[in-house]
């Protein structure tokens, strides 16, 4: 119950990495389903996880 309240108050989420249909990565809370929209370091930037870009 406390964890659900923390999600509602936007204090703490249980972030999990998810994949889109085109292969992009983003974070979603396992408890409330909110997407992480912070971007940048610590946010939705997963370019280091994806490996080197194919070029």
PDB file of N, CA and C in Angstrom:
ATOM      1  N   UNK A   1       0.826  -1.194   0.000  1.00  0.00           N
ATOM      2  CA  UNK A   1       0.000   0.000   0.000  1.00  0.00           C
ATOM      3  C   UNK A   1       0.870   1.258   0.000  1.00  0.00           C
ATOM      4  N   UNK A   2       1.946   1.244   0.781  1.00  0.00           N
ATOM      5  CA  UNK A   2       2.838   2.410   0.838  1.00  0.00           C
ATOM      6  C   UNK A   2       3.469   2.664  -0.535  1.00  0.00           C
ATOM      7  N   UNK A   3       3.888   1.576  -1.225  1.00  0.00           N
ATOM      8  CA  UNK A   3       4.522   1.741  -2.532  1.00  0.00           C
ATOM      9  C   UNK A   3       3.547   2.324  -3.552  1.00  0.00           C
ATOM     10  N   UNK A   4       2.275   1.902  -3.494  1.00  0.00           N
ATOM     11  CA  UNK A   4       1.271   2.448  -4.414  1.00  0.00           C
ATOM     12  C   UNK A   4       1.064   3.939  -4.142  1.00  0.00           C
ATOM     13  N   UNK A   5       1.082   4.321  -2.880  1.00  0.00           N
ATOM     14  CA  UNK A   5       0.937   5.731  -2.523  1.00  0.00           C
ATOM     15  C   UNK A   5       2.136   6.528  -3.023  1.00  0.00           C
ATOM     16  N   UNK A   6       3.324   5.952  -2.908  1.00  0.00           N
ATOM     17  CA  UNK A   6       4.521   6.649  -3.385  1.00  0.00           C
ATOM     18  C   UNK A   6       4.461   6.867  -4.896  1.00  0.00           C
ATOM     19  N   UNK A   7       3.909   5.908  -5.640  1.00  0.00           N
ATOM     20  CA  UNK A   7       3.719   6.087  -7.081  1.00  0.00           C
ATOM     21  C   UNK A   7       2.736   7.225  -7.345  1.00  0.00           C
ATOM     22  N   UNK A   8       1.622   7.209  -6.638  1.00  0.00           N
ATOM     23  CA  UNK A   8       0.609   8.255  -6.849  1.00  0.00           C
ATOM     24  C   UNK A   8       1.148   9.643  -6.546  1.00  0.00           C
ATOM     25  N   UNK A   9       2.015   9.743  -5.539  1.00  0.00           N
ATOM     26  CA  UNK A   9       2.611  11.024  -5.178  1.00  0.00           C
ATOM     27  C   UNK A   9       3.837  11.349  -6.033  1.00  0.00           C
ATOM     28  N   UNK A  10       4.183  10.448  -6.952  1.00  0.00           N
ATOM     29  CA  UNK A  10       5.319  10.616  -7.856  1.00  0.00           C
ATOM     30  C   UNK A  10       6.636  10.755  -7.087  1.00  0.00           C
ATOM     31  N   UNK A  11       6.757  10.021  -5.985  1.00  0.00           N
ATOM     32  CA  UNK A  11       7.963  10.050  -5.163  1.00  0.00           C
ATOM     33  C   UNK A  11       8.912   8.927  -5.559  1.00  0.00           C
ATOM     34  N   UNK A  12       8.384   7.730  -5.738  1.00  0.00           N
ATOM     35  CA  UNK A  12       9.221   6.571  -6.065  1.00  0.00           C
ATOM     36  C   UNK A  12       8.446   5.621  -6.967  1.00  0.00           C
ATOM     37  N   UNK A  13       9.098   5.226  -8.050  1.00  0.00           N
ATOM     38  CA  UNK A  13       8.523   4.258  -8.975  1.00  0.00           C
ATOM     39  C   UNK A  13       9.444   3.052  -9.059  1.00  0.00           C
ATOM     40  N   UNK A  14       8.938   1.945  -9.543  1.00  0.00           N
ATOM     41  CA  UNK A  14       9.705   0.718  -9.749  1.00  0.00           C
ATOM     42  C   UNK A  14       9.962   0.607 -11.249  1.00  0.00           C
ATOM     43  N   UNK A  15      11.022   1.316 -11.742  1.00  0.00           N
ATOM     44  CA  UNK A  15      11.278   1.406 -13.164  1.00  0.00           C
ATOM     45  C   UNK A  15      11.775   0.080 -13.736  1.00  0.00           C
ATOM     46  N   UNK A  16      11.308  -0.234 -14.945  1.00  0.00           N
ATOM     47  CA  UNK A  16      11.673  -1.442 -15.677  1.00  0.00           C
ATOM     48  C   UNK A  16      11.844  -1.051 -17.139  1.00  0.00           C
ATOM     49  N   UNK A  17      12.876  -1.583 -17.794  1.00  0.00           N
ATOM     50  CA  UNK A  17      13.139  -1.256 -19.200  1.00  0.00           C
ATOM     51  C   UNK A  17      12.176  -2.032 -20.087  1.00  0.00           C
ATOM     52  N   UNK A  18      11.544  -1.325 -21.008  1.00  0.00           N
ATOM     53  CA  UNK A  18      10.604  -1.910 -21.972  1.00  0.00           C
ATOM     54  C   UNK A  18      11.083  -1.599 -23.385  1.00  0.00           C
ATOM     55  N   UNK A  19      10.594  -2.346 -24.366  1.00  0.00           N
ATOM     56  CA  UNK A  19      10.937  -2.156 -25.778  1.00  0.00           C
ATOM     57  C   UNK A  19       9.692  -1.754 -26.554  1.00  0.00           C
ATOM     58  N   UNK A  20       9.877  -0.820 -27.498  1.00  0.00           N
ATOM     59  CA  UNK A  20       8.789  -0.467 -28.410  1.00  0.00           C
ATOM     60  C   UNK A  20       8.818  -1.419 -29.591  1.00  0.00           C
ATOM     61  N   UNK A  21       7.827  -1.325 -30.467  1.00  0.00           N
ATOM     62  CA  UNK A  21       7.763  -2.193 -31.649  1.00  0.00           C
ATOM     63  C   UNK A  21       8.942  -1.971 -32.586  1.00  0.00           C
ATOM     64  N   UNK A  22       9.475  -0.735 -32.627  1.00  0.00           N
ATOM     65  CA  UNK A  22      10.606  -0.458 -33.522  1.00  0.00           C
ATOM     66  C   UNK A  22      11.959  -0.722 -32.859  1.00  0.00           C
ATOM     67  N   UNK A  23      11.967  -1.247 -31.624  1.00  0.00           N
ATOM     68  CA  UNK A  23      13.202  -1.615 -30.953  1.00  0.00           C
ATOM     69  C   UNK A  23      13.765  -0.570 -30.012  1.00  0.00           C
ATOM     70  N   UNK A  24      13.131   0.595 -29.925  1.00  0.00           N
ATOM     71  CA  UNK A  24      13.588   1.620 -28.992  1.00  0.00           C
ATOM     72  C   UNK A  24      13.345   1.168 -27.558  1.00  0.00           C
ATOM     73  N   UNK A  25      14.089   1.757 -26.629  1.00  0.00           N
ATOM     74  CA  UNK A  25      13.955   1.413 -25.225  1.00  0.00           C
ATOM     75  C   UNK A  25      13.378   2.581 -24.432  1.00  0.00           C
ATOM     76  N   UNK A  26      12.613   2.277 -23.406  1.00  0.00           N
ATOM     77  CA  UNK A  26      12.086   3.284 -22.499  1.00  0.00           C
ATOM     78  C   UNK A  26      11.835   2.621 -21.146  1.00  0.00           C
ATOM     79  N   UNK A  27      11.590   3.419 -20.118  1.00  0.00           N
ATOM     80  CA  UNK A  27      11.329   2.871 -18.789  1.00  0.00           C
ATOM     81  C   UNK A  27       9.863   3.051 -18.424  1.00  0.00           C
ATOM     82  N   UNK A  28       9.295   2.029 -17.781  1.00  0.00           N
ATOM     83  CA  UNK A  28       7.908   2.046 -17.332  1.00  0.00           C
ATOM     84  C   UNK A  28       7.862   1.517 -15.901  1.00  0.00           C
ATOM     85  N   UNK A  29       7.020   2.113 -15.070  1.00  0.00           N
ATOM     86  CA  UNK A  29       6.873   1.664 -13.686  1.00  0.00           C
ATOM     87  C   UNK A  29       6.086   0.355 -13.656  1.00  0.00           C
ATOM     88  N   UNK A  30       6.611  -0.635 -12.937  1.00  0.00           N
ATOM     89  CA  UNK A  30       5.938  -1.925 -12.833  1.00  0.00           C
ATOM     90  C   UNK A  30       4.648  -1.836 -12.017  1.00  0.00           C
ATOM     91  N   UNK A  31       4.575  -0.890 -11.079  1.00  0.00           N
ATOM     92  CA  UNK A  31       3.400  -0.786 -10.202  1.00  0.00           C
ATOM     93  C   UNK A  31       2.256   0.006 -10.832  1.00  0.00           C
ATOM     94  N   UNK A  32       2.565   1.198 -11.368  1.00  0.00           N
ATOM     95  CA  UNK A  32       1.481   2.066 -11.832  1.00  0.00           C
ATOM     96  C   UNK A  32       1.392   2.190 -13.353  1.00  0.00           C
ATOM     97  N   UNK A  33       2.426   1.753 -14.093  1.00  0.00           N
ATOM     98  CA  UNK A  33       2.395   1.807 -15.547  1.00  0.00           C
ATOM     99  C   UNK A  33       2.830   3.126 -16.156  1.00  0.00           C
ATOM    100  N   UNK A  34       3.287   4.078 -15.342  1.00  0.00           N
ATOM    101  CA  UNK A  34       3.713   5.379 -15.859  1.00  0.00           C
ATOM    102  C   UNK A  34       5.007   5.229 -16.636  1.00  0.00           C
ATOM    103  N   UNK A  35       5.127   5.952 -17.768  1.00  0.00           N
ATOM    104  CA  UNK A  35       6.354   5.978 -18.553  1.00  0.00           C
ATOM    105  C   UNK A  35       7.266   7.068 -17.998  1.00  0.00           C
ATOM    106  N   UNK A  36       8.571   6.802 -17.991  1.00  0.00           N
ATOM    107  CA  UNK A  36       9.552   7.784 -17.533  1.00  0.00           C
ATOM    108  C   UNK A  36       9.789   8.779 -18.662  1.00  0.00           C
ATOM    109  N   UNK A  37       9.456  10.027 -18.436  1.00  0.00           N
ATOM    110  CA  UNK A  37       9.585  11.055 -19.471  1.00  0.00           C
ATOM    111  C   UNK A  37      10.669  12.075 -19.143  1.00  0.00           C
ATOM    112  N   UNK A  38      11.577  11.737 -18.230  1.00  0.00           N
ATOM    113  CA  UNK A  38      12.618  12.683 -17.837  1.00  0.00           C
ATOM    114  C   UNK A  38      13.631  12.910 -18.937  1.00  0.00           C
ATOM    115  N   UNK A  39      14.019  11.861 -19.661  1.00  0.00           N
ATOM    116  CA  UNK A  39      15.031  11.992 -20.699  1.00  0.00           C
ATOM    117  C   UNK A  39      16.389  12.310 -20.098  1.00  0.00           C
ATOM    118  N   UNK A  40      17.428  12.266 -20.897  1.00  0.00           N
ATOM    119  CA  UNK A  40      18.770  12.560 -20.422  1.00  0.00           C
ATOM    120  C   UNK A  40      19.289  11.493 -19.474  1.00  0.00           C
ATOM    121  N   UNK A  41      20.430  11.747 -18.841  1.00  0.00           N
ATOM    122  CA  UNK A  41      21.022  10.772 -17.930  1.00  0.00           C
ATOM    123  C   UNK A  41      20.070  10.430 -16.787  1.00  0.00           C
ATOM    124  N   UNK A  42      19.880   9.157 -16.543  1.00  0.00           N
ATOM    125  CA  UNK A  42      18.967   8.724 -15.494  1.00  0.00           C
ATOM    126  C   UNK A  42      17.528   8.699 -15.946  1.00  0.00           C
ATOM    127  N   UNK A  43      17.253   9.206 -17.113  1.00  0.00           N
ATOM    128  CA  UNK A  43      15.893   9.223 -17.627  1.00  0.00           C
ATOM    129  C   UNK A  43      15.708   8.217 -18.728  1.00  0.00           C
ATOM    130  N   UNK A  44      15.212   8.650 -19.861  1.00  0.00           N
ATOM    131  CA  UNK A  44      14.914   7.729 -20.943  1.00  0.00           C
ATOM    132  C   UNK A  44      16.032   7.542 -21.959  1.00  0.00           C
ATOM    133  N   UNK A  45      17.266   7.959 -21.650  1.00  0.00           N
ATOM    134  CA  UNK A  45      18.367   7.845 -22.601  1.00  0.00           C
ATOM    135  C   UNK A  45      19.035   6.488 -22.451  1.00  0.00           C
ATOM    136  N   UNK A  46      18.803   5.590 -23.404  1.00  0.00           N
ATOM    137  CA  UNK A  46      19.373   4.252 -23.338  1.00  0.00           C
ATOM    138  C   UNK A  46      20.338   4.004 -24.483  1.00  0.00           C
ATOM    139  N   UNK A  47      20.913   5.037 -25.058  1.00  0.00           N
ATOM    140  CA  UNK A  47      21.773   4.845 -26.217  1.00  0.00           C
ATOM    141  C   UNK A  47      23.001   4.006 -25.860  1.00  0.00           C
ATOM    142  N   UNK A  48      23.497   4.096 -24.639  1.00  0.00           N
ATOM    143  CA  UNK A  48      24.647   3.288 -24.222  1.00  0.00           C
ATOM    144  C   UNK A  48      24.267   1.814 -24.130  1.00  0.00           C
ATOM    145  N   UNK A  49      23.028   1.510 -23.821  1.00  0.00           N
ATOM    146  CA  UNK A  49      22.557   0.125 -23.692  1.00  0.00           C
ATOM    147  C   UNK A  49      22.388  -0.520 -25.060  1.00  0.00           C
ATOM    148  N   UNK A  50      22.077   0.270 -26.061  1.00  0.00           N
ATOM    149  CA  UNK A  50      21.759  -0.274 -27.382  1.00  0.00           C
ATOM    150  C   UNK A  50      23.005  -0.707 -28.138  1.00  0.00           C
ATOM    151  N   UNK A  51      24.185  -0.305 -27.669  1.00  0.00           N
ATOM    152  CA  UNK A  51      25.413  -0.674 -28.355  1.00  0.00           C
ATOM    153  C   UNK A  51      25.731   0.318 -29.457  1.00  0.00           C
ATOM    154  N   UNK A  52      26.770   0.042 -30.214  1.00  0.00           N
ATOM    155  CA  UNK A  52      27.168   0.971 -31.281  1.00  0.00           C
ATOM    156  C   UNK A  52      26.114   1.011 -32.388  1.00  0.00           C
ATOM    157  N   UNK A  53      25.954   2.184 -32.929  1.00  0.00           N
ATOM    158  CA  UNK A  53      24.966   2.367 -34.003  1.00  0.00           C
ATOM    159  C   UNK A  53      25.474   1.711 -35.284  1.00  0.00           C
ATOM    160  N   UNK A  54      24.570   1.035 -35.948  1.00  0.00           N
ATOM    161  CA  UNK A  54      24.935   0.430 -37.239  1.00  0.00           C
ATOM    162  C   UNK A  54      24.969   1.511 -38.293  1.00  0.00           C
ATOM    163  N   UNK A  55      26.028   1.614 -39.007  1.00  0.00           N
ATOM    164  CA  UNK A  55      26.100   2.709 -39.946  1.00  0.00           C
ATOM    165  C   UNK A  55      26.616   2.319 -41.210  1.00  0.00           C
TER     166      UNK A  55
END
